[in-house]
Amino acid sequence: MVDVTINKMKRLLLFSILFFSFQQALWSADIINEVLVAKPHMKDTRFKETVIMMIYDNQKGAAGLVVNKPLETISINTLFIGSKITPPKDMINKEITLYWGGPVNPENIFFIHSSDYKSNNFILSNEHFTITRESKVLFDIAGNKGPKNYIILSGISVWQPGQLDFEMVREDWEKKFNNYIPIFDNGEEMWSRLINSQEI
């Protein structure tokens, strides 16, 4: 299982470098600040007890990243060693966790990081966090120059036009608006805390 995940991470890192510009500019025009929290009766088992950071929601459809479903934790050294990508100098032995961002395009890797670190290219950025596909983030993490907090995600969650609206009418999701969501406090209790919260 670990070997499979390591190979997957290597492929994801390579894809992230090659396809960094994929749709990045398009998403930046459609940003909203909200999360979706799956209702307890969610029928789609893939999204059971998920929390999704939204990227856009408009007439063309909707997209977001699941932030509370870890896939595997591995050493960042293991990811770089043996790959075709030259690791950064003075690489540190750090554990990193790959999260499941959604079922669409699992070959694409995304980063959500804290605002202490600045990305030149990003999908969404505010005072609390930044969403990007800039692979430099991972290299800086490996060189101990990265953000204090971060999430690395494989894939994205996408809805066709009208699909999310239908699911909202069906009460599959609850939207949380405006106030700061503790995005990096994303342990197993994140879903239960948000679904029961009246403050966010």
N, C-alpha and C. Protein backbone atom coordinates (compact mmCIF):
# COMPACT_ATOMS: atom_id res chain seq x y z
N MET A 1 0.83 -1.21 0.00
CA MET A 1 0.00 0.00 0.00
C MET A 1 0.87 1.25 0.00
N VAL A 2 1.91 1.27 0.87
CA VAL A 2 2.77 2.43 0.95
C VAL A 2 3.52 2.63 -0.36
N ASP A 3 4.04 1.53 -0.97
CA ASP A 3 4.77 1.64 -2.23
C ASP A 3 3.89 2.22 -3.33
N VAL A 4 2.62 1.79 -3.36
CA VAL A 4 1.69 2.31 -4.34
C VAL A 4 1.50 3.81 -4.15
N THR A 5 1.36 4.22 -2.89
CA THR A 5 1.16 5.64 -2.59
C THR A 5 2.39 6.45 -2.95
N ILE A 6 3.58 5.92 -2.66
CA ILE A 6 4.82 6.62 -3.00
C ILE A 6 4.90 6.83 -4.50
N ASN A 7 4.63 5.80 -5.28
CA ASN A 7 4.67 5.94 -6.73
C ASN A 7 3.63 6.95 -7.20
N LYS A 8 2.47 6.94 -6.57
CA LYS A 8 1.42 7.89 -6.93
C LYS A 8 1.88 9.31 -6.64
N MET A 9 2.53 9.51 -5.48
CA MET A 9 3.01 10.83 -5.13
C MET A 9 4.06 11.32 -6.12
N LYS A 10 4.93 10.43 -6.56
CA LYS A 10 5.95 10.81 -7.55
C LYS A 10 5.29 11.27 -8.84
N ARG A 11 4.26 10.51 -9.28
CA ARG A 11 3.56 10.89 -10.50
C ARG A 11 2.85 12.23 -10.33
N LEU A 12 2.25 12.41 -9.14
CA LEU A 12 1.54 13.65 -8.89
C LEU A 12 2.47 14.84 -8.90
N LEU A 13 3.66 14.68 -8.31
CA LEU A 13 4.63 15.77 -8.30
C LEU A 13 5.03 16.13 -9.71
N LEU A 14 5.26 15.13 -10.54
CA LEU A 14 5.64 15.38 -11.92
C LEU A 14 4.51 16.06 -12.68
N PHE A 15 3.28 15.57 -12.50
CA PHE A 15 2.14 16.19 -13.16
C PHE A 15 1.94 17.62 -12.69
N SER A 16 2.19 17.86 -11.40
CA SER A 16 2.02 19.21 -10.87
C SER A 16 2.96 20.18 -11.55
N ILE A 17 4.18 19.74 -11.82
CA ILE A 17 5.15 20.60 -12.47
C ILE A 17 4.78 20.82 -13.93
N LEU A 18 4.35 19.76 -14.61
CA LEU A 18 4.07 19.86 -16.04
C LEU A 18 2.78 20.61 -16.34
N PHE A 19 1.78 20.47 -15.47
CA PHE A 19 0.46 21.00 -15.76
C PHE A 19 0.02 22.08 -14.77
N PHE A 20 1.00 22.80 -14.24
CA PHE A 20 0.68 23.82 -13.24
C PHE A 20 -0.34 24.83 -13.74
N SER A 21 -0.26 25.22 -15.01
CA SER A 21 -1.12 26.29 -15.53
C SER A 21 -2.52 25.84 -15.87
N PHE A 22 -2.84 24.55 -15.72
CA PHE A 22 -4.13 24.01 -16.12
C PHE A 22 -5.28 24.70 -15.40
N GLN A 23 -6.03 25.51 -16.12
CA GLN A 23 -7.24 26.18 -15.66
C GLN A 23 -7.02 27.17 -14.51
N GLN A 24 -5.77 27.44 -14.11
CA GLN A 24 -5.54 28.29 -12.95
C GLN A 24 -6.14 29.68 -13.13
N ALA A 25 -5.91 30.30 -14.28
CA ALA A 25 -6.42 31.64 -14.51
C ALA A 25 -7.95 31.66 -14.55
N LEU A 26 -8.55 30.59 -15.09
CA LEU A 26 -10.00 30.51 -15.19
C LEU A 26 -10.65 30.52 -13.82
N TRP A 27 -10.11 29.73 -12.90
CA TRP A 27 -10.72 29.64 -11.58
C TRP A 27 -10.66 30.95 -10.83
N SER A 28 -9.60 31.71 -11.00
CA SER A 28 -9.40 32.91 -10.20
C SER A 28 -10.50 33.95 -10.40
N ALA A 29 -11.24 33.85 -11.51
CA ALA A 29 -12.31 34.82 -11.77
C ALA A 29 -13.62 34.46 -11.08
N ASP A 30 -13.72 33.27 -10.49
CA ASP A 30 -15.00 32.78 -9.98
C ASP A 30 -14.96 32.44 -8.49
N ILE A 31 -14.09 33.08 -7.75
CA ILE A 31 -13.85 32.70 -6.35
C ILE A 31 -15.02 33.12 -5.45
N ILE A 32 -15.39 32.23 -4.55
CA ILE A 32 -16.30 32.56 -3.47
C ILE A 32 -15.66 32.05 -2.18
N ASN A 33 -16.14 32.53 -1.05
CA ASN A 33 -15.54 32.17 0.23
C ASN A 33 -16.57 31.39 1.04
N GLU A 34 -16.60 30.08 0.85
CA GLU A 34 -17.54 29.24 1.57
C GLU A 34 -17.04 27.80 1.59
N VAL A 35 -17.59 27.02 2.51
CA VAL A 35 -17.32 25.59 2.52
C VAL A 35 -18.65 24.85 2.49
N LEU A 36 -18.59 23.62 1.97
CA LEU A 36 -19.72 22.71 2.03
C LEU A 36 -19.44 21.65 3.07
N VAL A 37 -20.40 21.36 3.90
CA VAL A 37 -20.28 20.32 4.91
C VAL A 37 -21.35 19.27 4.61
N ALA A 38 -20.93 18.03 4.40
CA ALA A 38 -21.88 16.97 4.06
C ALA A 38 -22.85 16.73 5.21
N LYS A 39 -24.14 16.64 4.88
CA LYS A 39 -25.15 16.32 5.90
C LYS A 39 -24.98 14.86 6.35
N PRO A 40 -25.42 14.55 7.56
CA PRO A 40 -25.26 13.17 8.08
C PRO A 40 -25.89 12.10 7.20
N HIS A 41 -26.93 12.45 6.44
CA HIS A 41 -27.61 11.45 5.61
C HIS A 41 -27.04 11.40 4.18
N MET A 42 -25.85 11.97 3.94
CA MET A 42 -25.25 11.96 2.61
C MET A 42 -25.24 10.54 2.03
N LYS A 43 -25.85 10.37 0.85
CA LYS A 43 -25.98 9.04 0.24
C LYS A 43 -24.74 8.63 -0.54
N ASP A 44 -24.00 9.59 -1.10
CA ASP A 44 -22.78 9.29 -1.84
C ASP A 44 -21.68 8.97 -0.85
N THR A 45 -21.31 7.70 -0.73
CA THR A 45 -20.35 7.28 0.29
C THR A 45 -18.99 7.93 0.13
N ARG A 46 -18.64 8.36 -1.08
CA ARG A 46 -17.36 9.03 -1.29
C ARG A 46 -17.28 10.33 -0.50
N PHE A 47 -18.43 10.98 -0.32
CA PHE A 47 -18.45 12.29 0.33
C PHE A 47 -19.01 12.25 1.75
N LYS A 48 -19.13 11.07 2.32
CA LYS A 48 -19.64 10.94 3.67
C LYS A 48 -18.71 11.68 4.65
N GLU A 49 -19.29 12.55 5.46
CA GLU A 49 -18.58 13.32 6.49
C GLU A 49 -17.41 14.12 5.91
N THR A 50 -17.61 14.71 4.73
CA THR A 50 -16.58 15.53 4.12
C THR A 50 -16.82 17.02 4.36
N VAL A 51 -15.73 17.77 4.32
CA VAL A 51 -15.75 19.23 4.34
C VAL A 51 -15.05 19.69 3.07
N ILE A 52 -15.70 20.54 2.27
CA ILE A 52 -15.16 20.94 0.98
C ILE A 52 -14.97 22.45 0.93
N MET A 53 -13.73 22.88 0.65
CA MET A 53 -13.43 24.29 0.42
C MET A 53 -13.78 24.62 -1.02
N MET A 54 -14.72 25.53 -1.24
CA MET A 54 -15.18 25.83 -2.58
C MET A 54 -14.21 26.74 -3.33
N ILE A 55 -14.08 26.49 -4.64
CA ILE A 55 -13.25 27.30 -5.52
C ILE A 55 -14.12 28.18 -6.41
N TYR A 56 -15.17 27.62 -6.98
CA TYR A 56 -16.12 28.44 -7.73
C TYR A 56 -17.48 27.77 -7.74
N ASP A 57 -18.51 28.58 -7.99
CA ASP A 57 -19.89 28.10 -8.10
C ASP A 57 -20.64 29.13 -8.94
N ASN A 58 -20.87 28.79 -10.21
CA ASN A 58 -21.52 29.73 -11.11
C ASN A 58 -22.30 28.98 -12.18
N GLN A 59 -22.66 29.65 -13.27
CA GLN A 59 -23.47 29.03 -14.31
C GLN A 59 -22.74 27.92 -15.05
N LYS A 60 -21.42 27.87 -14.93
CA LYS A 60 -20.65 26.83 -15.59
C LYS A 60 -20.49 25.57 -14.73
N GLY A 61 -20.97 25.63 -13.50
CA GLY A 61 -20.84 24.50 -12.59
C GLY A 61 -20.19 24.93 -11.29
N ALA A 62 -19.58 23.98 -10.60
CA ALA A 62 -18.96 24.27 -9.31
C ALA A 62 -17.77 23.33 -9.10
N ALA A 63 -16.85 23.77 -8.24
CA ALA A 63 -15.68 22.95 -7.93
C ALA A 63 -15.17 23.30 -6.55
N GLY A 64 -14.56 22.32 -5.89
CA GLY A 64 -13.99 22.54 -4.57
C GLY A 64 -13.05 21.41 -4.20
N LEU A 65 -12.41 21.53 -3.04
CA LEU A 65 -11.43 20.56 -2.56
C LEU A 65 -11.86 20.00 -1.21
N VAL A 66 -11.96 18.69 -1.12
CA VAL A 66 -12.20 18.04 0.17
C VAL A 66 -10.94 18.21 1.02
N VAL A 67 -11.09 18.68 2.25
CA VAL A 67 -9.90 19.01 3.06
C VAL A 67 -9.72 18.14 4.30
N ASN A 68 -10.59 17.16 4.51
CA ASN A 68 -10.50 16.39 5.76
C ASN A 68 -10.44 14.88 5.54
N LYS A 69 -9.90 14.44 4.38
CA LYS A 69 -9.82 13.02 4.09
C LYS A 69 -8.38 12.62 3.72
N PRO A 70 -7.53 12.32 4.72
CA PRO A 70 -6.15 11.92 4.42
C PRO A 70 -6.09 10.55 3.74
N LEU A 71 -5.17 10.41 2.79
CA LEU A 71 -4.96 9.14 2.10
C LEU A 71 -3.80 8.36 2.71
N GLU A 72 -2.65 9.02 2.87
CA GLU A 72 -1.45 8.33 3.35
C GLU A 72 -0.43 9.36 3.81
N THR A 73 0.37 8.99 4.81
CA THR A 73 1.47 9.82 5.28
C THR A 73 2.78 9.12 4.98
N ILE A 74 3.71 9.84 4.32
CA ILE A 74 5.01 9.27 3.96
C ILE A 74 6.10 10.29 4.22
N SER A 75 7.34 9.85 4.18
CA SER A 75 8.48 10.74 4.30
C SER A 75 8.67 11.51 3.01
N ILE A 76 8.91 12.81 3.12
CA ILE A 76 9.15 13.61 1.92
C ILE A 76 10.45 13.19 1.24
N ASN A 77 11.41 12.67 2.01
CA ASN A 77 12.65 12.15 1.42
C ASN A 77 12.33 11.00 0.47
N THR A 78 11.43 10.12 0.88
CA THR A 78 11.07 8.97 0.07
C THR A 78 10.45 9.39 -1.25
N LEU A 79 9.71 10.49 -1.21
CA LEU A 79 9.08 10.99 -2.42
C LEU A 79 10.10 11.44 -3.45
N PHE A 80 11.11 12.15 -3.01
CA PHE A 80 12.10 12.70 -3.94
C PHE A 80 13.17 11.68 -4.35
N ILE A 81 13.65 10.88 -3.39
CA ILE A 81 14.73 9.94 -3.68
C ILE A 81 14.24 8.89 -4.67
N GLY A 82 14.96 8.67 -5.71
CA GLY A 82 14.61 7.69 -6.72
C GLY A 82 13.70 8.22 -7.81
N SER A 83 13.22 9.45 -7.66
CA SER A 83 12.39 10.04 -8.71
C SER A 83 13.28 10.73 -9.73
N LYS A 84 12.69 11.16 -10.83
CA LYS A 84 13.43 11.84 -11.88
C LYS A 84 13.54 13.34 -11.62
N ILE A 85 13.03 13.79 -10.51
CA ILE A 85 13.03 15.21 -10.18
C ILE A 85 14.14 15.48 -9.17
N THR A 86 14.97 16.46 -9.45
CA THR A 86 16.08 16.80 -8.57
C THR A 86 15.54 17.42 -7.27
N PRO A 87 15.86 16.83 -6.12
CA PRO A 87 15.36 17.37 -4.86
C PRO A 87 16.07 18.66 -4.50
N PRO A 88 15.49 19.45 -3.61
CA PRO A 88 16.16 20.68 -3.18
C PRO A 88 17.38 20.36 -2.34
N LYS A 89 18.31 21.30 -2.28
CA LYS A 89 19.49 21.13 -1.44
C LYS A 89 19.07 21.14 0.02
N ASP A 90 19.83 20.40 0.84
CA ASP A 90 19.56 20.35 2.29
C ASP A 90 18.13 19.91 2.58
N MET A 91 17.66 18.90 1.85
CA MET A 91 16.31 18.38 2.07
C MET A 91 16.20 17.80 3.48
N ILE A 92 15.14 18.12 4.18
CA ILE A 92 14.96 17.63 5.54
C ILE A 92 14.07 16.40 5.55
N ASN A 93 14.16 15.62 6.63
CA ASN A 93 13.36 14.41 6.77
C ASN A 93 12.03 14.78 7.41
N LYS A 94 11.04 15.08 6.59
CA LYS A 94 9.73 15.54 7.07
C LYS A 94 8.64 14.59 6.60
N GLU A 95 7.69 14.34 7.45
CA GLU A 95 6.53 13.54 7.08
C GLU A 95 5.49 14.44 6.42
N ILE A 96 4.94 14.00 5.29
CA ILE A 96 3.87 14.75 4.63
C ILE A 96 2.67 13.82 4.41
N THR A 97 1.49 14.40 4.44
CA THR A 97 0.26 13.64 4.25
C THR A 97 -0.41 14.07 2.95
N LEU A 98 -0.78 13.11 2.14
CA LEU A 98 -1.54 13.37 0.93
C LEU A 98 -3.02 13.22 1.24
N TYR A 99 -3.81 14.24 0.88
CA TYR A 99 -5.25 14.22 1.11
C TYR A 99 -6.00 13.97 -0.18
N TRP A 100 -7.21 13.42 -0.05
CA TRP A 100 -8.10 13.21 -1.19
C TRP A 100 -8.90 14.48 -1.40
N GLY A 101 -8.62 15.18 -2.52
CA GLY A 101 -9.34 16.42 -2.81
C GLY A 101 -10.65 16.20 -3.51
N GLY A 102 -10.81 15.02 -4.12
CA GLY A 102 -12.04 14.70 -4.84
C GLY A 102 -11.77 13.67 -5.92
N PRO A 103 -12.83 13.17 -6.56
CA PRO A 103 -12.68 12.04 -7.49
C PRO A 103 -12.27 12.44 -8.91
N VAL A 104 -12.23 13.73 -9.23
CA VAL A 104 -11.94 14.17 -10.60
C VAL A 104 -10.47 14.54 -10.74
N ASN A 105 -9.85 14.11 -11.84
CA ASN A 105 -8.45 14.43 -12.15
C ASN A 105 -7.50 14.15 -10.98
N PRO A 106 -7.43 12.90 -10.51
CA PRO A 106 -6.54 12.59 -9.39
C PRO A 106 -5.07 12.80 -9.70
N GLU A 107 -4.72 12.95 -10.99
CA GLU A 107 -3.33 13.21 -11.35
C GLU A 107 -2.92 14.65 -11.07
N ASN A 108 -3.88 15.52 -10.76
CA ASN A 108 -3.57 16.92 -10.45
C ASN A 108 -3.41 17.11 -8.94
N ILE A 109 -2.37 17.84 -8.56
CA ILE A 109 -2.10 18.07 -7.15
C ILE A 109 -2.33 19.53 -6.82
N PHE A 110 -2.92 19.77 -5.65
CA PHE A 110 -3.23 21.11 -5.17
C PHE A 110 -2.60 21.32 -3.80
N PHE A 111 -2.33 22.57 -3.47
CA PHE A 111 -1.82 22.93 -2.15
C PHE A 111 -2.73 23.99 -1.55
N ILE A 112 -3.05 23.83 -0.27
CA ILE A 112 -3.65 24.90 0.51
C ILE A 112 -2.64 25.22 1.61
N HIS A 113 -2.19 26.47 1.69
CA HIS A 113 -1.17 26.80 2.70
C HIS A 113 -1.51 28.09 3.42
N SER A 114 -0.90 28.25 4.59
CA SER A 114 -1.13 29.42 5.42
C SER A 114 -0.53 30.67 4.80
N SER A 115 -1.02 31.83 5.23
CA SER A 115 -0.67 33.09 4.58
C SER A 115 0.71 33.61 4.93
N ASP A 116 1.44 32.92 5.83
CA ASP A 116 2.81 33.33 6.11
C ASP A 116 3.74 33.06 4.93
N TYR A 117 3.31 32.19 4.03
CA TYR A 117 4.08 31.85 2.83
C TYR A 117 3.36 32.46 1.62
N LYS A 118 4.12 33.05 0.72
CA LYS A 118 3.54 33.74 -0.43
C LYS A 118 3.75 32.94 -1.72
N SER A 119 2.68 32.66 -2.43
CA SER A 119 2.73 32.04 -3.75
C SER A 119 2.53 33.11 -4.81
N ASN A 120 3.35 33.07 -5.84
CA ASN A 120 3.23 34.04 -6.92
C ASN A 120 2.02 33.76 -7.80
N ASN A 121 1.68 32.49 -7.93
CA ASN A 121 0.53 32.08 -8.74
C ASN A 121 -0.43 31.33 -7.85
N PHE A 122 -1.68 31.73 -7.84
CA PHE A 122 -2.63 31.08 -6.95
C PHE A 122 -4.03 31.10 -7.55
N ILE A 123 -4.86 30.21 -7.05
CA ILE A 123 -6.26 30.14 -7.44
C ILE A 123 -7.10 31.04 -6.54
N LEU A 124 -6.82 30.98 -5.25
CA LEU A 124 -7.54 31.76 -4.24
C LEU A 124 -6.56 32.17 -3.15
N SER A 125 -6.65 33.41 -2.71
CA SER A 125 -5.80 33.85 -1.60
C SER A 125 -6.55 34.88 -0.78
N ASN A 126 -6.53 34.71 0.56
CA ASN A 126 -7.08 35.72 1.45
C ASN A 126 -6.15 35.83 2.66
N GLU A 127 -6.59 36.48 3.70
CA GLU A 127 -5.71 36.73 4.84
C GLU A 127 -5.38 35.47 5.63
N HIS A 128 -6.11 34.38 5.41
CA HIS A 128 -5.93 33.18 6.20
C HIS A 128 -5.23 32.04 5.46
N PHE A 129 -5.47 31.91 4.14
CA PHE A 129 -4.91 30.79 3.41
C PHE A 129 -4.83 31.10 1.93
N THR A 130 -4.08 30.26 1.21
CA THR A 130 -3.95 30.36 -0.24
C THR A 130 -4.15 28.98 -0.84
N ILE A 131 -4.87 28.90 -1.96
CA ILE A 131 -5.01 27.67 -2.73
C ILE A 131 -4.21 27.84 -4.01
N THR A 132 -3.33 26.90 -4.31
CA THR A 132 -2.47 27.01 -5.47
C THR A 132 -2.14 25.63 -6.02
N ARG A 133 -1.60 25.61 -7.27
CA ARG A 133 -1.04 24.40 -7.84
C ARG A 133 0.45 24.58 -8.11
N GLU A 134 1.05 25.60 -7.52
CA GLU A 134 2.45 25.91 -7.73
C GLU A 134 3.34 24.89 -7.01
N SER A 135 4.06 24.07 -7.77
CA SER A 135 4.84 22.98 -7.19
C SER A 135 6.00 23.46 -6.33
N LYS A 136 6.39 24.73 -6.45
CA LYS A 136 7.47 25.29 -5.64
C LYS A 136 7.16 25.14 -4.15
N VAL A 137 5.88 25.10 -3.79
CA VAL A 137 5.51 24.94 -2.39
C VAL A 137 6.11 23.67 -1.81
N LEU A 138 6.01 22.57 -2.55
CA LEU A 138 6.52 21.29 -2.06
C LEU A 138 8.04 21.32 -1.94
N PHE A 139 8.72 21.93 -2.89
CA PHE A 139 10.17 22.04 -2.82
C PHE A 139 10.59 22.87 -1.60
N ASP A 140 9.86 23.94 -1.31
CA ASP A 140 10.19 24.76 -0.15
C ASP A 140 9.88 24.04 1.16
N ILE A 141 8.84 23.23 1.18
CA ILE A 141 8.56 22.41 2.36
C ILE A 141 9.73 21.46 2.61
N ALA A 142 10.21 20.84 1.53
CA ALA A 142 11.34 19.90 1.65
C ALA A 142 12.61 20.60 2.10
N GLY A 143 12.76 21.88 1.77
CA GLY A 143 13.94 22.65 2.17
C GLY A 143 13.74 23.44 3.44
N ASN A 144 12.66 23.15 4.17
CA ASN A 144 12.33 23.82 5.43
C ASN A 144 12.14 25.33 5.24
N LYS A 145 11.63 25.72 4.07
CA LYS A 145 11.37 27.13 3.78
C LYS A 145 9.90 27.34 3.40
N GLY A 146 9.09 26.35 3.62
CA GLY A 146 7.70 26.39 3.20
C GLY A 146 6.79 27.03 4.23
N PRO A 147 5.49 26.95 4.02
CA PRO A 147 4.51 27.54 4.94
C PRO A 147 4.45 26.79 6.27
N LYS A 148 3.99 27.49 7.29
CA LYS A 148 3.84 26.87 8.61
C LYS A 148 2.79 25.77 8.56
N ASN A 149 1.68 26.02 7.88
CA ASN A 149 0.59 25.04 7.75
C ASN A 149 0.27 24.82 6.29
N TYR A 150 -0.05 23.59 5.95
CA TYR A 150 -0.36 23.28 4.55
C TYR A 150 -1.13 21.97 4.45
N ILE A 151 -1.83 21.83 3.32
CA ILE A 151 -2.51 20.59 2.97
C ILE A 151 -2.15 20.29 1.52
N ILE A 152 -1.76 19.05 1.22
CA ILE A 152 -1.45 18.61 -0.13
C ILE A 152 -2.55 17.67 -0.57
N LEU A 153 -3.17 17.96 -1.73
CA LEU A 153 -4.37 17.23 -2.13
C LEU A 153 -4.25 16.67 -3.53
N SER A 154 -4.81 15.47 -3.70
CA SER A 154 -4.87 14.80 -5.00
C SER A 154 -6.30 14.84 -5.51
N GLY A 155 -6.51 15.43 -6.69
CA GLY A 155 -7.84 15.46 -7.28
C GLY A 155 -8.68 16.62 -6.80
N ILE A 156 -9.85 16.73 -7.39
CA ILE A 156 -10.75 17.85 -7.12
C ILE A 156 -12.20 17.35 -7.22
N SER A 157 -13.11 18.05 -6.58
CA SER A 157 -14.54 17.73 -6.64
C SER A 157 -15.22 18.71 -7.58
N VAL A 158 -15.94 18.19 -8.58
CA VAL A 158 -16.52 19.03 -9.62
C VAL A 158 -17.99 18.67 -9.81
N TRP A 159 -18.83 19.70 -10.02
CA TRP A 159 -20.24 19.52 -10.32
C TRP A 159 -20.57 20.13 -11.67
N GLN A 160 -21.41 19.48 -12.43
CA GLN A 160 -21.90 20.03 -13.68
C GLN A 160 -22.90 21.16 -13.40
N PRO A 161 -23.19 22.02 -14.39
CA PRO A 161 -24.15 23.10 -14.16
C PRO A 161 -25.47 22.57 -13.60
N GLY A 162 -25.92 23.16 -12.51
CA GLY A 162 -27.18 22.78 -11.89
C GLY A 162 -27.09 21.60 -10.94
N GLN A 163 -26.00 20.81 -10.99
CA GLN A 163 -25.90 19.60 -10.18
C GLN A 163 -25.82 19.92 -8.69
N LEU A 164 -24.97 20.88 -8.32
CA LEU A 164 -24.85 21.23 -6.91
C LEU A 164 -26.14 21.86 -6.40
N ASP A 165 -26.79 22.68 -7.23
CA ASP A 165 -28.07 23.27 -6.82
C ASP A 165 -29.08 22.18 -6.50
N PHE A 166 -29.12 21.13 -7.31
CA PHE A 166 -30.03 20.01 -7.06
C PHE A 166 -29.68 19.33 -5.75
N GLU A 167 -28.38 19.13 -5.48
CA GLU A 167 -27.96 18.47 -4.25
C GLU A 167 -28.26 19.34 -3.02
N MET A 168 -28.20 20.66 -3.19
CA MET A 168 -28.56 21.56 -2.08
C MET A 168 -30.06 21.47 -1.79
N VAL A 169 -30.88 21.43 -2.83
CA VAL A 169 -32.32 21.27 -2.65
C VAL A 169 -32.62 19.94 -1.97
N ARG A 170 -31.87 18.93 -2.31
CA ARG A 170 -32.02 17.60 -1.72
C ARG A 170 -31.47 17.55 -0.30
N GLU A 171 -30.84 18.64 0.12
CA GLU A 171 -30.26 18.80 1.47
C GLU A 171 -29.14 17.80 1.74
N ASP A 172 -28.29 17.58 0.71
CA ASP A 172 -27.10 16.76 0.90
C ASP A 172 -25.99 17.54 1.60
N TRP A 173 -26.01 18.87 1.47
CA TRP A 173 -24.93 19.72 1.96
C TRP A 173 -25.47 20.86 2.80
N GLU A 174 -24.62 21.34 3.69
CA GLU A 174 -24.88 22.58 4.42
C GLU A 174 -23.76 23.55 4.09
N LYS A 175 -24.10 24.78 3.73
CA LYS A 175 -23.09 25.79 3.43
C LYS A 175 -22.73 26.57 4.68
N LYS A 176 -21.43 26.83 4.83
CA LYS A 176 -20.94 27.69 5.90
C LYS A 176 -20.29 28.90 5.24
N PHE A 177 -20.70 30.10 5.63
CA PHE A 177 -20.28 31.32 4.94
C PHE A 177 -19.42 32.23 5.82
N ASN A 178 -18.67 33.08 5.15
CA ASN A 178 -18.12 34.34 5.65
C ASN A 178 -17.07 34.23 6.75
N ASN A 179 -17.40 33.69 7.89
CA ASN A 179 -16.45 33.67 8.99
C ASN A 179 -15.32 32.69 8.72
N TYR A 180 -14.21 32.90 9.40
CA TYR A 180 -13.01 32.09 9.19
C TYR A 180 -13.27 30.62 9.55
N ILE A 181 -12.98 29.74 8.60
CA ILE A 181 -13.04 28.30 8.85
C ILE A 181 -11.64 27.82 9.22
N PRO A 182 -11.47 27.11 10.32
CA PRO A 182 -10.13 26.64 10.72
C PRO A 182 -9.65 25.52 9.81
N ILE A 183 -9.22 25.89 8.61
CA ILE A 183 -8.96 24.94 7.54
C ILE A 183 -7.84 23.97 7.86
N PHE A 184 -6.85 24.39 8.67
CA PHE A 184 -5.71 23.52 8.96
C PHE A 184 -5.92 22.66 10.20
N ASP A 185 -7.01 22.92 10.91
CA ASP A 185 -7.38 22.07 12.04
C ASP A 185 -8.35 21.02 11.50
N ASN A 186 -7.81 20.15 10.62
CA ASN A 186 -8.68 19.30 9.80
C ASN A 186 -8.57 17.83 10.16
N GLY A 187 -8.57 17.55 11.47
CA GLY A 187 -8.57 16.16 11.91
C GLY A 187 -9.93 15.51 11.74
N GLU A 188 -10.07 14.32 12.28
CA GLU A 188 -11.31 13.57 12.11
C GLU A 188 -12.52 14.28 12.71
N GLU A 189 -12.27 15.15 13.69
CA GLU A 189 -13.39 15.84 14.34
C GLU A 189 -13.83 17.09 13.59
N MET A 190 -13.15 17.46 12.52
CA MET A 190 -13.48 18.69 11.80
C MET A 190 -14.92 18.67 11.30
N TRP A 191 -15.33 17.56 10.69
CA TRP A 191 -16.68 17.48 10.14
C TRP A 191 -17.73 17.63 11.24
N SER A 192 -17.59 16.89 12.34
CA SER A 192 -18.60 16.93 13.40
C SER A 192 -18.65 18.30 14.05
N ARG A 193 -17.50 18.97 14.17
CA ARG A 193 -17.48 20.30 14.75
C ARG A 193 -18.22 21.30 13.88
N LEU A 194 -18.01 21.21 12.55
CA LEU A 194 -18.64 22.17 11.65
C LEU A 194 -20.13 21.89 11.45
N ILE A 195 -20.50 20.61 11.36
CA ILE A 195 -21.90 20.30 11.09
C ILE A 195 -22.79 20.69 12.29
N ASN A 196 -22.18 20.73 13.48
CA ASN A 196 -22.95 21.08 14.68
C ASN A 196 -22.78 22.54 15.10
N SER A 197 -21.94 23.29 14.36
CA SER A 197 -21.64 24.67 14.77
C SER A 197 -22.73 25.64 14.29
N GLN A 198 -23.08 26.55 15.18
CA GLN A 198 -24.01 27.63 14.81
C GLN A 198 -23.26 28.96 14.67
N GLU A 199 -21.94 28.95 14.88
CA GLU A 199 -21.16 30.18 14.91
C GLU A 199 -20.52 30.50 13.57
N ILE A 200 -20.35 29.49 12.69
CA ILE A 200 -19.64 29.71 11.43
C ILE A 200 -20.64 29.74 10.28
